[in-house]
């Protein structure tokens, strides 16, 4: 297989997902990728971290958290989940939740919350918005 920057980025993303979920120890997870470039969004670096919001059971099954008219920049995340032997895990449950483009969480409903299962090749796809700045936290998707 030809080694390209795109292939390394895809392998790196998959290894990160699988590594963070399953502690993969393989050549894929050990592959050296170029460091993520520094970026600034005008905010000071986040030092202290606050807790929450937390997992909420019974989220709807869906691959799109983005809703028509929702504020924020659209984003699509794709990746895969692998076993410790680097084999795709079919049917892995992934639960996502996040703040909207203004940094607000929905703690009473399921806006920007949902779950899905990986396909036969361990792949997932999530359409959403880039989370806004949430006080005391870096931008992130749970």
C-alpha atoms as a PDB file:
ATOM      1  CA  UNK A   1       0.000   0.000   0.000  1.00  0.00           C
ATOM      2  CA  UNK A   2       1.306   3.480  -0.872  1.00  0.00           C
ATOM      3  CA  UNK A   3       2.085   5.704   2.126  1.00  0.00           C
ATOM      4  CA  UNK A   4       0.574   9.179   1.618  1.00  0.00           C
ATOM      5  CA  UNK A   5      -0.147  12.095   3.972  1.00  0.00           C
ATOM      6  CA  UNK A   6      -3.884  11.378   3.576  1.00  0.00           C
ATOM      7  CA  UNK A   7      -3.423   7.681   4.416  1.00  0.00           C
ATOM      8  CA  UNK A   8      -1.276   8.586   7.445  1.00  0.00           C
ATOM      9  CA  UNK A   9      -3.939  11.074   8.623  1.00  0.00           C
ATOM     10  CA  UNK A  10      -6.706   8.472   8.244  1.00  0.00           C
ATOM     11  CA  UNK A  11      -4.647   5.805   9.997  1.00  0.00           C
ATOM     12  CA  UNK A  12      -3.739   8.289  12.696  1.00  0.00           C
ATOM     13  CA  UNK A  13      -7.368   9.260  13.247  1.00  0.00           C
ATOM     14  CA  UNK A  14      -8.428   5.625  13.434  1.00  0.00           C
ATOM     15  CA  UNK A  15      -5.565   4.768  15.759  1.00  0.00           C
ATOM     16  CA  UNK A  16      -6.463   7.698  17.992  1.00  0.00           C
ATOM     17  CA  UNK A  17     -10.091   6.638  18.214  1.00  0.00           C
ATOM     18  CA  UNK A  18      -9.230   2.999  18.689  1.00  0.00           C
ATOM     19  CA  UNK A  19      -6.303   3.788  20.946  1.00  0.00           C
ATOM     20  CA  UNK A  20      -8.353   6.046  23.192  1.00  0.00           C
ATOM     21  CA  UNK A  21     -11.163   3.510  23.401  1.00  0.00           C
ATOM     22  CA  UNK A  22      -9.260   0.234  23.394  1.00  0.00           C
ATOM     23  CA  UNK A  23      -5.588   0.987  24.189  1.00  0.00           C
ATOM     24  CA  UNK A  24      -4.269  -0.297  20.869  1.00  0.00           C
ATOM     25  CA  UNK A  25      -0.621  -1.225  20.813  1.00  0.00           C
ATOM     26  CA  UNK A  26       0.242  -1.737  17.185  1.00  0.00           C
ATOM     27  CA  UNK A  27       2.351  -0.290  14.422  1.00  0.00           C
ATOM     28  CA  UNK A  28      -0.652   1.804  13.364  1.00  0.00           C
ATOM     29  CA  UNK A  29      -1.026   3.310  16.836  1.00  0.00           C
ATOM     30  CA  UNK A  30       2.758   3.775  17.082  1.00  0.00           C
ATOM     31  CA  UNK A  31       3.071   5.500  13.690  1.00  0.00           C
ATOM     32  CA  UNK A  32       4.580   8.959  13.937  1.00  0.00           C
ATOM     33  CA  UNK A  33       2.401  11.712  12.534  1.00  0.00           C
ATOM     34  CA  UNK A  34       3.420  15.328  12.141  1.00  0.00           C
ATOM     35  CA  UNK A  35       2.443  17.417  15.197  1.00  0.00           C
ATOM     36  CA  UNK A  36      -0.876  19.219  15.060  1.00  0.00           C
ATOM     37  CA  UNK A  37      -0.183  22.827  14.080  1.00  0.00           C
ATOM     38  CA  UNK A  38      -0.678  25.394  16.815  1.00  0.00           C
ATOM     39  CA  UNK A  39      -3.839  27.418  16.419  1.00  0.00           C
ATOM     40  CA  UNK A  40      -5.418  30.243  18.316  1.00  0.00           C
ATOM     41  CA  UNK A  41      -9.020  31.411  18.275  1.00  0.00           C
ATOM     42  CA  UNK A  42      -8.393  34.614  20.194  1.00  0.00           C
ATOM     43  CA  UNK A  43      -8.995  33.009  23.577  1.00  0.00           C
ATOM     44  CA  UNK A  44      -6.344  32.504  26.235  1.00  0.00           C
ATOM     45  CA  UNK A  45      -5.047  28.956  26.670  1.00  0.00           C
ATOM     46  CA  UNK A  46      -7.322  26.886  28.893  1.00  0.00           C
ATOM     47  CA  UNK A  47      -5.605  25.942  32.134  1.00  0.00           C
ATOM     48  CA  UNK A  48      -8.335  24.897  34.565  1.00  0.00           C
ATOM     49  CA  UNK A  49     -10.875  22.297  33.499  1.00  0.00           C
ATOM     50  CA  UNK A  50     -14.465  22.152  34.726  1.00  0.00           C
ATOM     51  CA  UNK A  51     -16.580  19.022  34.899  1.00  0.00           C
ATOM     52  CA  UNK A  52     -19.719  18.205  32.944  1.00  0.00           C
ATOM     53  CA  UNK A  53     -22.077  18.106  31.211  1.00  0.00           C
ATOM     54  CA  UNK A  54     -22.249  14.367  31.480  1.00  0.00           C
ATOM     55  CA  UNK A  55     -23.451  11.320  29.575  1.00  0.00           C
ATOM     56  CA  UNK A  56     -27.222  11.093  29.413  1.00  0.00           C
ATOM     57  CA  UNK A  57     -28.868   7.697  28.745  1.00  0.00           C
ATOM     58  CA  UNK A  58     -31.439   7.078  26.008  1.00  0.00           C
ATOM     59  CA  UNK A  59     -29.968   9.387  23.374  1.00  0.00           C
ATOM     60  CA  UNK A  60     -31.486   9.001  19.895  1.00  0.00           C
ATOM     61  CA  UNK A  61     -29.681   6.829  17.352  1.00  0.00           C
ATOM     62  CA  UNK A  62     -28.458   9.096  14.556  1.00  0.00           C
ATOM     63  CA  UNK A  63     -25.421  10.064  12.505  1.00  0.00           C
ATOM     64  CA  UNK A  64     -26.408  13.727  12.160  1.00  0.00           C
ATOM     65  CA  UNK A  65     -26.500  16.006  15.174  1.00  0.00           C
ATOM     66  CA  UNK A  66     -26.635  19.017  12.843  1.00  0.00           C
ATOM     67  CA  UNK A  67     -30.117  20.475  12.469  1.00  0.00           C
ATOM     68  CA  UNK A  68     -31.291  22.881   9.770  1.00  0.00           C
ATOM     69  CA  UNK A  69     -30.797  26.490  10.864  1.00  0.00           C
ATOM     70  CA  UNK A  70     -28.402  25.565  13.674  1.00  0.00           C
ATOM     71  CA  UNK A  71     -25.763  28.213  14.399  1.00  0.00           C
ATOM     72  CA  UNK A  72     -22.165  27.149  13.939  1.00  0.00           C
ATOM     73  CA  UNK A  73     -19.765  25.888  11.321  1.00  0.00           C
ATOM     74  CA  UNK A  74     -20.714  22.438  10.002  1.00  0.00           C
ATOM     75  CA  UNK A  75     -18.224  19.636  10.630  1.00  0.00           C
ATOM     76  CA  UNK A  76     -18.093  15.976   9.637  1.00  0.00           C
ATOM     77  CA  UNK A  77     -16.076  13.476  11.661  1.00  0.00           C
ATOM     78  CA  UNK A  78     -15.254  10.066  10.258  1.00  0.00           C
ATOM     79  CA  UNK A  79     -13.211   7.298  11.766  1.00  0.00           C
ATOM     80  CA  UNK A  80     -13.149   3.669  12.699  1.00  0.00           C
ATOM     81  CA  UNK A  81     -12.879   1.486  15.792  1.00  0.00           C
ATOM     82  CA  UNK A  82     -10.332  -1.317  15.841  1.00  0.00           C
ATOM     83  CA  UNK A  83      -9.585  -4.223  18.167  1.00  0.00           C
ATOM     84  CA  UNK A  84      -6.184  -4.653  19.807  1.00  0.00           C
ATOM     85  CA  UNK A  85      -5.315  -6.793  16.761  1.00  0.00           C
ATOM     86  CA  UNK A  86      -6.207  -3.894  14.435  1.00  0.00           C
ATOM     87  CA  UNK A  87      -9.350  -5.641  13.214  1.00  0.00           C
ATOM     88  CA  UNK A  88     -12.496  -3.560  12.635  1.00  0.00           C
ATOM     89  CA  UNK A  89     -15.118  -3.792  15.369  1.00  0.00           C
ATOM     90  CA  UNK A  90     -18.569  -4.082  13.872  1.00  0.00           C
ATOM     91  CA  UNK A  91     -21.473  -2.783  15.927  1.00  0.00           C
ATOM     92  CA  UNK A  92     -19.400  -0.770  18.462  1.00  0.00           C
ATOM     93  CA  UNK A  93     -21.626   1.695  20.313  1.00  0.00           C
ATOM     94  CA  UNK A  94     -20.481   5.324  20.087  1.00  0.00           C
ATOM     95  CA  UNK A  95     -22.286   8.030  22.059  1.00  0.00           C
ATOM     96  CA  UNK A  96     -21.715  11.704  21.206  1.00  0.00           C
ATOM     97  CA  UNK A  97     -22.687  14.948  22.917  1.00  0.00           C
ATOM     98  CA  UNK A  98     -21.415  18.481  22.593  1.00  0.00           C
ATOM     99  CA  UNK A  99     -22.036  22.215  22.929  1.00  0.00           C
ATOM    100  CA  UNK A 100     -23.565  24.176  20.061  1.00  0.00           C
ATOM    101  CA  UNK A 101     -21.738  26.845  18.067  1.00  0.00           C
ATOM    102  CA  UNK A 102     -22.279  29.325  20.917  1.00  0.00           C
ATOM    103  CA  UNK A 103     -20.905  26.991  23.601  1.00  0.00           C
ATOM    104  CA  UNK A 104     -24.306  26.023  25.022  1.00  0.00           C
ATOM    105  CA  UNK A 105     -25.245  22.446  26.003  1.00  0.00           C
ATOM    106  CA  UNK A 106     -28.776  21.094  25.988  1.00  0.00           C
ATOM    107  CA  UNK A 107     -29.096  19.506  29.425  1.00  0.00           C
ATOM    108  CA  UNK A 108     -32.861  19.035  29.305  1.00  0.00           C
ATOM    109  CA  UNK A 109     -33.270  17.383  25.891  1.00  0.00           C
ATOM    110  CA  UNK A 110     -31.169  15.656  23.256  1.00  0.00           C
ATOM    111  CA  UNK A 111     -30.119  18.511  20.979  1.00  0.00           C
ATOM    112  CA  UNK A 112     -26.534  17.754  19.845  1.00  0.00           C
ATOM    113  CA  UNK A 113     -26.676  14.348  21.529  1.00  0.00           C
ATOM    114  CA  UNK A 114     -26.952  10.976  19.875  1.00  0.00           C
ATOM    115  CA  UNK A 115     -25.486   7.530  19.471  1.00  0.00           C
ATOM    116  CA  UNK A 116     -24.642   5.207  16.610  1.00  0.00           C
ATOM    117  CA  UNK A 117     -23.059   1.851  15.897  1.00  0.00           C
ATOM    118  CA  UNK A 118     -20.050   1.193  13.688  1.00  0.00           C
ATOM    119  CA  UNK A 119     -20.677  -0.536  10.378  1.00  0.00           C
ATOM    120  CA  UNK A 120     -19.324  -3.951   9.321  1.00  0.00           C
ATOM    121  CA  UNK A 121     -15.890  -2.388   8.783  1.00  0.00           C
ATOM    122  CA  UNK A 122     -15.839  -0.558  12.116  1.00  0.00           C
ATOM    123  CA  UNK A 123     -16.477   2.825  10.491  1.00  0.00           C
ATOM    124  CA  UNK A 124     -18.548   5.709  11.824  1.00  0.00           C
ATOM    125  CA  UNK A 125     -19.583   9.121  10.457  1.00  0.00           C
ATOM    126  CA  UNK A 126     -20.905  12.076  12.438  1.00  0.00           C
ATOM    127  CA  UNK A 127     -22.251  15.361  11.031  1.00  0.00           C
ATOM    128  CA  UNK A 128     -22.474  18.208  13.502  1.00  0.00           C
ATOM    129  CA  UNK A 129     -21.209  21.744  14.138  1.00  0.00           C
ATOM    130  CA  UNK A 130     -17.873  22.899  15.523  1.00  0.00           C
ATOM    131  CA  UNK A 131     -18.526  23.340  19.259  1.00  0.00           C
ATOM    132  CA  UNK A 132     -18.370  26.914  20.525  1.00  0.00           C
ATOM    133  CA  UNK A 133     -16.186  28.025  23.391  1.00  0.00           C
ATOM    134  CA  UNK A 134     -17.544  26.624  26.654  1.00  0.00           C
ATOM    135  CA  UNK A 135     -16.241  28.538  29.699  1.00  0.00           C
ATOM    136  CA  UNK A 136     -13.376  26.698  31.371  1.00  0.00           C
ATOM    137  CA  UNK A 137     -13.016  24.057  28.621  1.00  0.00           C
ATOM    138  CA  UNK A 138     -11.375  23.676  25.258  1.00  0.00           C
ATOM    139  CA  UNK A 139     -13.664  23.040  22.272  1.00  0.00           C
ATOM    140  CA  UNK A 140     -14.489  19.339  22.189  1.00  0.00           C
ATOM    141  CA  UNK A 141     -16.998  16.642  21.320  1.00  0.00           C
ATOM    142  CA  UNK A 142     -17.635  13.932  23.889  1.00  0.00           C
END
